[in-house]
Protein backbone atom coordinates (compact mmCIF):
# COMPACT_ATOMS: atom_id res chain seq x y z
CA UNK A 1 0.00 0.00 0.00
CA UNK A 2 1.28 3.48 -0.87
CA UNK A 3 0.69 6.48 1.32
CA UNK A 4 0.62 10.03 0.03
CA UNK A 5 0.43 13.12 2.20
CA UNK A 6 -1.18 16.43 1.35
CA UNK A 7 1.00 19.51 1.48
CA UNK A 8 0.62 23.21 0.65
CA UNK A 9 3.05 24.70 -1.86
CA UNK A 10 5.02 27.49 -0.20
CA UNK A 11 7.29 28.42 -3.11
CA UNK A 12 8.46 27.13 -6.47
CA UNK A 13 12.06 27.07 -7.63
CA UNK A 14 13.50 27.38 -11.12
CA UNK A 15 14.98 23.88 -10.89
CA UNK A 16 11.66 22.01 -10.95
CA UNK A 17 11.21 21.71 -7.22
CA UNK A 18 8.79 23.17 -4.72
CA UNK A 19 9.01 23.88 -1.02
CA UNK A 20 5.90 22.50 0.63
CA UNK A 21 4.43 22.67 4.12
CA UNK A 22 3.10 19.33 5.35
CA UNK A 23 1.52 19.86 8.78
CA UNK A 24 4.22 22.36 9.74
CA UNK A 25 7.18 20.44 8.28
CA UNK A 26 8.72 22.21 5.30
CA UNK A 27 10.36 20.05 2.65
CA UNK A 28 11.73 20.49 -0.86
CA UNK A 29 10.10 18.07 -3.29
CA UNK A 30 10.10 17.45 -7.02
CA UNK A 31 7.33 19.30 -8.86
CA UNK A 32 8.28 18.15 -12.36
CA UNK A 33 5.21 15.95 -12.87
CA UNK A 34 2.70 18.79 -12.47
CA UNK A 35 2.21 21.88 -14.61
CA UNK A 36 0.74 25.17 -13.44
CA UNK A 37 1.48 24.90 -9.73
CA UNK A 38 1.39 28.13 -7.73
CA UNK A 39 2.16 28.98 -4.11
CA UNK A 40 -0.89 28.18 -2.02
CA UNK A 41 -1.90 25.14 -4.10
CA UNK A 42 -2.30 21.80 -2.34
CA UNK A 43 -0.60 18.70 -3.72
CA UNK A 44 -0.46 15.01 -2.89
CA UNK A 45 3.15 14.03 -2.17
CA UNK A 46 4.55 10.52 -2.46
CA UNK A 47 8.23 9.55 -2.24
CA UNK A 48 9.36 13.18 -2.42
CA UNK A 49 7.35 13.97 -5.55
CA UNK A 50 4.15 15.95 -6.07
CA UNK A 51 1.93 13.42 -7.85
CA UNK A 52 -1.41 15.27 -7.99
CA UNK A 53 -2.90 18.69 -7.41
CA UNK A 54 -5.78 18.54 -4.92
CA UNK A 55 -8.37 21.04 -3.73
CA UNK A 56 -7.96 23.13 -0.60
CA UNK A 57 -10.84 21.20 0.98
CA UNK A 58 -9.09 17.87 0.29
CA UNK A 59 -5.90 19.20 1.84
CA UNK A 60 -7.61 20.47 4.97
CA UNK A 61 -9.62 17.26 5.36
CA UNK A 62 -6.46 15.14 5.15
CA UNK A 63 -4.67 17.33 7.70
CA UNK A 64 -7.62 17.07 10.11
CA UNK A 65 -7.77 13.29 9.76
CA UNK A 66 -4.05 12.93 10.39
CA UNK A 67 -4.23 15.22 13.43
CA UNK A 68 -7.07 13.09 14.79
CA UNK A 69 -5.17 9.83 14.21
CA UNK A 70 -1.87 11.04 15.62
PDB file of N, CA and C in Angstrom:
ATOM      1  N   UNK A   1       0.840  -1.180   0.000  1.00  0.00           N
ATOM      2  CA  UNK A   1       0.000   0.000   0.000  1.00  0.00           C
ATOM      3  C   UNK A   1       0.884   1.241   0.000  1.00  0.00           C
ATOM      4  N   UNK A   2       0.533   2.216  -0.802  1.00  0.00           N
ATOM      5  CA  UNK A   2       1.276   3.477  -0.868  1.00  0.00           C
ATOM      6  C   UNK A   2       0.526   4.543  -0.077  1.00  0.00           C
ATOM      7  N   UNK A   3       1.296   5.397   0.556  1.00  0.00           N
ATOM      8  CA  UNK A   3       0.694   6.483   1.320  1.00  0.00           C
ATOM      9  C   UNK A   3       1.200   7.801   0.764  1.00  0.00           C
ATOM     10  N   UNK A   4       0.272   8.686   0.452  1.00  0.00           N
ATOM     11  CA  UNK A   4       0.621  10.034   0.032  1.00  0.00           C
ATOM     12  C   UNK A   4       0.112  11.010   1.068  1.00  0.00           C
ATOM     13  N   UNK A   5       0.827  12.092   1.240  1.00  0.00           N
ATOM     14  CA  UNK A   5       0.426  13.120   2.196  1.00  0.00           C
ATOM     15  C   UNK A   5       0.109  14.410   1.459  1.00  0.00           C
ATOM     16  N   UNK A   6      -0.872  15.134   1.957  1.00  0.00           N
ATOM     17  CA  UNK A   6      -1.180  16.428   1.350  1.00  0.00           C
ATOM     18  C   UNK A   6      -0.227  17.471   1.909  1.00  0.00           C
ATOM     19  N   UNK A   7       0.102  18.432   1.079  1.00  0.00           N
ATOM     20  CA  UNK A   7       0.996  19.510   1.483  1.00  0.00           C
ATOM     21  C   UNK A   7       0.629  20.763   0.695  1.00  0.00           C
ATOM     22  N   UNK A   8       0.882  21.921   1.305  1.00  0.00           N
ATOM     23  CA  UNK A   8       0.617  23.211   0.652  1.00  0.00           C
ATOM     24  C   UNK A   8       1.919  23.727   0.057  1.00  0.00           C
ATOM     25  N   UNK A   9       1.863  24.146  -1.195  1.00  0.00           N
ATOM     26  CA  UNK A   9       3.048  24.697  -1.861  1.00  0.00           C
ATOM     27  C   UNK A   9       3.358  26.066  -1.270  1.00  0.00           C
ATOM     28  N   UNK A  10       4.574  26.217  -0.775  1.00  0.00           N
ATOM     29  CA  UNK A  10       5.023  27.489  -0.198  1.00  0.00           C
ATOM     30  C   UNK A  10       5.721  28.327  -1.263  1.00  0.00           C
ATOM     31  N   UNK A  11       6.619  27.697  -2.016  1.00  0.00           N
ATOM     32  CA  UNK A  11       7.292  28.417  -3.105  1.00  0.00           C
ATOM     33  C   UNK A  11       7.776  27.426  -4.142  1.00  0.00           C
ATOM     34  N   UNK A  12       7.940  27.918  -5.348  1.00  0.00           N
ATOM     35  CA  UNK A  12       8.459  27.126  -6.466  1.00  0.00           C
ATOM     36  C   UNK A  12       9.858  27.612  -6.797  1.00  0.00           C
ATOM     37  N   UNK A  13      10.706  26.693  -7.235  1.00  0.00           N
ATOM     38  CA  UNK A  13      12.055  27.072  -7.632  1.00  0.00           C
ATOM     39  C   UNK A  13      12.188  26.948  -9.144  1.00  0.00           C
ATOM     40  N   UNK A  14      13.276  27.471  -9.676  1.00  0.00           N
ATOM     41  CA  UNK A  14      13.496  27.385 -11.118  1.00  0.00           C
ATOM     42  C   UNK A  14      14.150  26.069 -11.524  1.00  0.00           C
ATOM     43  N   UNK A  15      14.370  25.175 -10.571  1.00  0.00           N
ATOM     44  CA  UNK A  15      14.980  23.880 -10.887  1.00  0.00           C
ATOM     45  C   UNK A  15      13.975  22.721 -10.839  1.00  0.00           C
ATOM     46  N   UNK A  16      12.676  23.045 -10.907  1.00  0.00           N
ATOM     47  CA  UNK A  16      11.659  22.008 -10.946  1.00  0.00           C
ATOM     48  C   UNK A  16      11.281  21.427  -9.606  1.00  0.00           C
ATOM     49  N   UNK A  17      11.585  22.172  -8.549  1.00  0.00           N
ATOM     50  CA  UNK A  17      11.209  21.713  -7.216  1.00  0.00           C
ATOM     51  C   UNK A  17      10.276  22.724  -6.566  1.00  0.00           C
ATOM     52  N   UNK A  18       9.667  22.285  -5.489  1.00  0.00           N
ATOM     53  CA  UNK A  18       8.790  23.168  -4.720  1.00  0.00           C
ATOM     54  C   UNK A  18       9.077  22.947  -3.246  1.00  0.00           C
ATOM     55  N   UNK A  19       8.981  24.008  -2.469  1.00  0.00           N
ATOM     56  CA  UNK A  19       9.012  23.884  -1.025  1.00  0.00           C
ATOM     57  C   UNK A  19       7.561  23.774  -0.589  1.00  0.00           C
ATOM     58  N   UNK A  20       7.260  22.720   0.175  1.00  0.00           N
ATOM     59  CA  UNK A  20       5.895  22.497   0.631  1.00  0.00           C
ATOM     60  C   UNK A  20       5.857  22.453   2.150  1.00  0.00           C
ATOM     61  N   UNK A  21       4.688  22.747   2.684  1.00  0.00           N
ATOM     62  CA  UNK A  21       4.434  22.670   4.120  1.00  0.00           C
ATOM     63  C   UNK A  21       3.459  21.524   4.346  1.00  0.00           C
ATOM     64  N   UNK A  22       3.937  20.483   5.028  1.00  0.00           N
ATOM     65  CA  UNK A  22       3.098  19.328   5.350  1.00  0.00           C
ATOM     66  C   UNK A  22       2.923  19.287   6.858  1.00  0.00           C
ATOM     67  N   UNK A  23       1.824  19.827   7.332  1.00  0.00           N
ATOM     68  CA  UNK A  23       1.522  19.859   8.776  1.00  0.00           C
ATOM     69  C   UNK A  23       2.637  20.525   9.580  1.00  0.00           C
ATOM     70  N   UNK A  24       3.191  21.601   9.032  1.00  0.00           N
ATOM     71  CA  UNK A  24       4.219  22.356   9.743  1.00  0.00           C
ATOM     72  C   UNK A  24       5.643  21.981   9.370  1.00  0.00           C
ATOM     73  N   UNK A  25       5.842  20.852   8.712  1.00  0.00           N
ATOM     74  CA  UNK A  25       7.177  20.437   8.277  1.00  0.00           C
ATOM     75  C   UNK A  25       7.393  20.909   6.845  1.00  0.00           C
ATOM     76  N   UNK A  26       8.425  21.712   6.642  1.00  0.00           N
ATOM     77  CA  UNK A  26       8.722  22.210   5.301  1.00  0.00           C
ATOM     78  C   UNK A  26       9.761  21.303   4.654  1.00  0.00           C
ATOM     79  N   UNK A  27       9.477  20.943   3.403  1.00  0.00           N
ATOM     80  CA  UNK A  27      10.360  20.053   2.647  1.00  0.00           C
ATOM     81  C   UNK A  27      10.445  20.525   1.203  1.00  0.00           C
ATOM     82  N   UNK A  28      11.578  20.227   0.574  1.00  0.00           N
ATOM     83  CA  UNK A  28      11.727  20.491  -0.855  1.00  0.00           C
ATOM     84  C   UNK A  28      11.427  19.187  -1.587  1.00  0.00           C
ATOM     85  N   UNK A  29      10.518  19.258  -2.546  1.00  0.00           N
ATOM     86  CA  UNK A  29      10.097  18.072  -3.290  1.00  0.00           C
ATOM     87  C   UNK A  29      10.201  18.350  -4.788  1.00  0.00           C
ATOM     88  N   UNK A  30      10.145  17.296  -5.576  1.00  0.00           N
ATOM     89  CA  UNK A  30      10.100  17.446  -7.022  1.00  0.00           C
ATOM     90  C   UNK A  30       8.694  17.860  -7.444  1.00  0.00           C
ATOM     91  N   UNK A  31       8.623  18.840  -8.325  1.00  0.00           N
ATOM     92  CA  UNK A  31       7.335  19.301  -8.856  1.00  0.00           C
ATOM     93  C   UNK A  31       7.275  19.117 -10.371  1.00  0.00           C
ATOM     94  N   UNK A  32       8.160  18.295 -10.909  1.00  0.00           N
ATOM     95  CA  UNK A  32       8.282  18.155 -12.361  1.00  0.00           C
ATOM     96  C   UNK A  32       7.106  17.446 -13.024  1.00  0.00           C
ATOM     97  N   UNK A  33       6.328  16.680 -12.270  1.00  0.00           N
ATOM     98  CA  UNK A  33       5.213  15.951 -12.874  1.00  0.00           C
ATOM     99  C   UNK A  33       3.968  16.808 -13.081  1.00  0.00           C
ATOM    100  N   UNK A  34       3.907  17.966 -12.422  1.00  0.00           N
ATOM    101  CA  UNK A  34       2.695  18.788 -12.466  1.00  0.00           C
ATOM    102  C   UNK A  34       2.978  20.144 -13.091  1.00  0.00           C
ATOM    103  N   UNK A  35       2.099  20.564 -13.984  1.00  0.00           N
ATOM    104  CA  UNK A  35       2.207  21.885 -14.609  1.00  0.00           C
ATOM    105  C   UNK A  35       1.268  22.860 -13.912  1.00  0.00           C
ATOM    106  N   UNK A  36       1.632  24.112 -13.907  1.00  0.00           N
ATOM    107  CA  UNK A  36       0.738  25.166 -13.439  1.00  0.00           C
ATOM    108  C   UNK A  36       0.603  25.282 -11.934  1.00  0.00           C
ATOM    109  N   UNK A  37       1.553  24.752 -11.186  1.00  0.00           N
ATOM    110  CA  UNK A  37       1.484  24.902  -9.730  1.00  0.00           C
ATOM    111  C   UNK A  37       1.797  26.336  -9.334  1.00  0.00           C
ATOM    112  N   UNK A  38       1.148  26.793  -8.273  1.00  0.00           N
ATOM    113  CA  UNK A  38       1.388  28.127  -7.733  1.00  0.00           C
ATOM    114  C   UNK A  38       1.446  28.034  -6.217  1.00  0.00           C
ATOM    115  N   UNK A  39       2.166  28.959  -5.578  1.00  0.00           N
ATOM    116  CA  UNK A  39       2.162  28.983  -4.115  1.00  0.00           C
ATOM    117  C   UNK A  39       0.720  29.048  -3.596  1.00  0.00           C
ATOM    118  N   UNK A  40       0.449  28.250  -2.574  1.00  0.00           N
ATOM    119  CA  UNK A  40      -0.895  28.176  -2.020  1.00  0.00           C
ATOM    120  C   UNK A  40      -1.672  26.966  -2.490  1.00  0.00           C
ATOM    121  N   UNK A  41      -1.247  26.361  -3.614  1.00  0.00           N
ATOM    122  CA  UNK A  41      -1.899  25.139  -4.099  1.00  0.00           C
ATOM    123  C   UNK A  41      -1.611  23.992  -3.132  1.00  0.00           C
ATOM    124  N   UNK A  42      -2.520  23.026  -3.102  1.00  0.00           N
ATOM    125  CA  UNK A  42      -2.302  21.797  -2.341  1.00  0.00           C
ATOM    126  C   UNK A  42      -1.970  20.675  -3.308  1.00  0.00           C
ATOM    127  N   UNK A  43      -1.022  19.832  -2.909  1.00  0.00           N
ATOM    128  CA  UNK A  43      -0.603  18.698  -3.724  1.00  0.00           C
ATOM    129  C   UNK A  43      -0.567  17.441  -2.869  1.00  0.00           C
ATOM    130  N   UNK A  44      -0.674  16.297  -3.538  1.00  0.00           N
ATOM    131  CA  UNK A  44      -0.464  15.010  -2.895  1.00  0.00           C
ATOM    132  C   UNK A  44       0.994  14.650  -3.145  1.00  0.00           C
ATOM    133  N   UNK A  45       1.721  14.319  -2.069  1.00  0.00           N
ATOM    134  CA  UNK A  45       3.149  14.031  -2.167  1.00  0.00           C
ATOM    135  C   UNK A  45       3.390  12.567  -1.839  1.00  0.00           C
ATOM    136  N   UNK A  46       4.146  11.898  -2.700  1.00  0.00           N
ATOM    137  CA  UNK A  46       4.555  10.517  -2.461  1.00  0.00           C
ATOM    138  C   UNK A  46       6.014  10.376  -2.863  1.00  0.00           C
ATOM    139  N   UNK A  47       6.814   9.819  -1.973  1.00  0.00           N
ATOM    140  CA  UNK A  47       8.230   9.552  -2.242  1.00  0.00           C
ATOM    141  C   UNK A  47       8.968  10.806  -2.714  1.00  0.00           C
ATOM    142  N   UNK A  48       8.653  11.944  -2.107  1.00  0.00           N
ATOM    143  CA  UNK A  48       9.359  13.176  -2.420  1.00  0.00           C
ATOM    144  C   UNK A  48       8.956  13.837  -3.721  1.00  0.00           C
ATOM    145  N   UNK A  49       7.815  13.426  -4.279  1.00  0.00           N
ATOM    146  CA  UNK A  49       7.353  13.970  -5.555  1.00  0.00           C
ATOM    147  C   UNK A  49       5.886  14.360  -5.456  1.00  0.00           C
ATOM    148  N   UNK A  50       5.556  15.543  -5.972  1.00  0.00           N
ATOM    149  CA  UNK A  50       4.155  15.948  -6.070  1.00  0.00           C
ATOM    150  C   UNK A  50       3.528  15.134  -7.194  1.00  0.00           C
ATOM    151  N   UNK A  51       2.508  14.322  -6.848  1.00  0.00           N
ATOM    152  CA  UNK A  51       1.926  13.425  -7.850  1.00  0.00           C
ATOM    153  C   UNK A  51       0.551  13.871  -8.321  1.00  0.00           C
ATOM    154  N   UNK A  52      -0.088  14.789  -7.587  1.00  0.00           N
ATOM    155  CA  UNK A  52      -1.405  15.272  -7.994  1.00  0.00           C
ATOM    156  C   UNK A  52      -1.696  16.595  -7.305  1.00  0.00           C
ATOM    157  N   UNK A  53      -2.401  17.455  -8.012  1.00  0.00           N
ATOM    158  CA  UNK A  53      -2.896  18.689  -7.415  1.00  0.00           C
ATOM    159  C   UNK A  53      -4.263  18.380  -6.817  1.00  0.00           C
ATOM    160  N   UNK A  54      -4.502  18.805  -5.584  1.00  0.00           N
ATOM    161  CA  UNK A  54      -5.776  18.538  -4.925  1.00  0.00           C
ATOM    162  C   UNK A  54      -6.404  19.865  -4.509  1.00  0.00           C
ATOM    163  N   UNK A  55      -7.679  19.816  -4.132  1.00  0.00           N
ATOM    164  CA  UNK A  55      -8.369  21.036  -3.730  1.00  0.00           C
ATOM    165  C   UNK A  55      -7.970  21.427  -2.306  1.00  0.00           C
ATOM    166  N   UNK A  56      -8.214  22.675  -1.961  1.00  0.00           N
ATOM    167  CA  UNK A  56      -7.962  23.134  -0.600  1.00  0.00           C
ATOM    168  C   UNK A  56      -8.745  22.308   0.407  1.00  0.00           C
ATOM    169  N   UNK A  57     -10.001  21.995   0.075  1.00  0.00           N
ATOM    170  CA  UNK A  57     -10.839  21.202   0.977  1.00  0.00           C
ATOM    171  C   UNK A  57     -10.241  19.814   1.215  1.00  0.00           C
ATOM    172  N   UNK A  58      -9.722  19.178   0.145  1.00  0.00           N
ATOM    173  CA  UNK A  58      -9.086  17.873   0.294  1.00  0.00           C
ATOM    174  C   UNK A  58      -7.869  17.969   1.213  1.00  0.00           C
ATOM    175  N   UNK A  59      -7.090  19.012   1.023  1.00  0.00           N
ATOM    176  CA  UNK A  59      -5.896  19.198   1.841  1.00  0.00           C
ATOM    177  C   UNK A  59      -6.227  19.389   3.302  1.00  0.00           C
ATOM    178  N   UNK A  60      -7.212  20.224   3.583  1.00  0.00           N
ATOM    179  CA  UNK A  60      -7.613  20.470   4.973  1.00  0.00           C
ATOM    180  C   UNK A  60      -8.215  19.216   5.601  1.00  0.00           C
ATOM    181  N   UNK A  61      -9.008  18.481   4.838  1.00  0.00           N
ATOM    182  CA  UNK A  61      -9.618  17.256   5.362  1.00  0.00           C
ATOM    183  C   UNK A  61      -8.546  16.229   5.726  1.00  0.00           C
ATOM    184  N   UNK A  62      -7.549  16.077   4.870  1.00  0.00           N
ATOM    185  CA  UNK A  62      -6.460  15.141   5.148  1.00  0.00           C
ATOM    186  C   UNK A  62      -5.692  15.548   6.390  1.00  0.00           C
ATOM    187  N   UNK A  63      -5.380  16.845   6.516  1.00  0.00           N
ATOM    188  CA  UNK A  63      -4.669  17.330   7.702  1.00  0.00           C
ATOM    189  C   UNK A  63      -5.471  17.060   8.975  1.00  0.00           C
ATOM    190  N   UNK A  64      -6.775  17.307   8.937  1.00  0.00           N
ATOM    191  CA  UNK A  64      -7.621  17.071  10.106  1.00  0.00           C
ATOM    192  C   UNK A  64      -7.662  15.596  10.478  1.00  0.00           C
ATOM    193  N   UNK A  65      -7.757  14.726   9.477  1.00  0.00           N
ATOM    194  CA  UNK A  65      -7.772  13.290   9.759  1.00  0.00           C
ATOM    195  C   UNK A  65      -6.457  12.826  10.370  1.00  0.00           C
ATOM    196  N   UNK A  66      -5.348  13.313   9.837  1.00  0.00           N
ATOM    197  CA  UNK A  66      -4.048  12.930  10.389  1.00  0.00           C
ATOM    198  C   UNK A  66      -3.867  13.454  11.811  1.00  0.00           C
ATOM    199  N   UNK A  67      -4.315  14.682  12.072  1.00  0.00           N
ATOM    200  CA  UNK A  67      -4.234  15.225  13.425  1.00  0.00           C
ATOM    201  C   UNK A  67      -5.041  14.367  14.390  1.00  0.00           C
ATOM    202  N   UNK A  68      -6.201  13.920  13.947  1.00  0.00           N
ATOM    203  CA  UNK A  68      -7.067  13.092  14.790  1.00  0.00           C
ATOM    204  C   UNK A  68      -6.426  11.722  15.069  1.00  0.00           C
ATOM    205  N   UNK A  69      -5.782  11.142  14.051  1.00  0.00           N
ATOM    206  CA  UNK A  69      -5.171   9.830  14.209  1.00  0.00           C
ATOM    207  C   UNK A  69      -3.888   9.872  15.027  1.00  0.00           C
ATOM    208  N   UNK A  70      -3.147  10.943  14.905  1.00  0.00           N
ATOM    209  CA  UNK A  70      -1.872  11.044  15.616  1.00  0.00           C
ATOM    210  C   UNK A  70      -2.090  11.775  16.891  1.00  0.00           C
TER     211      UNK A  70
END
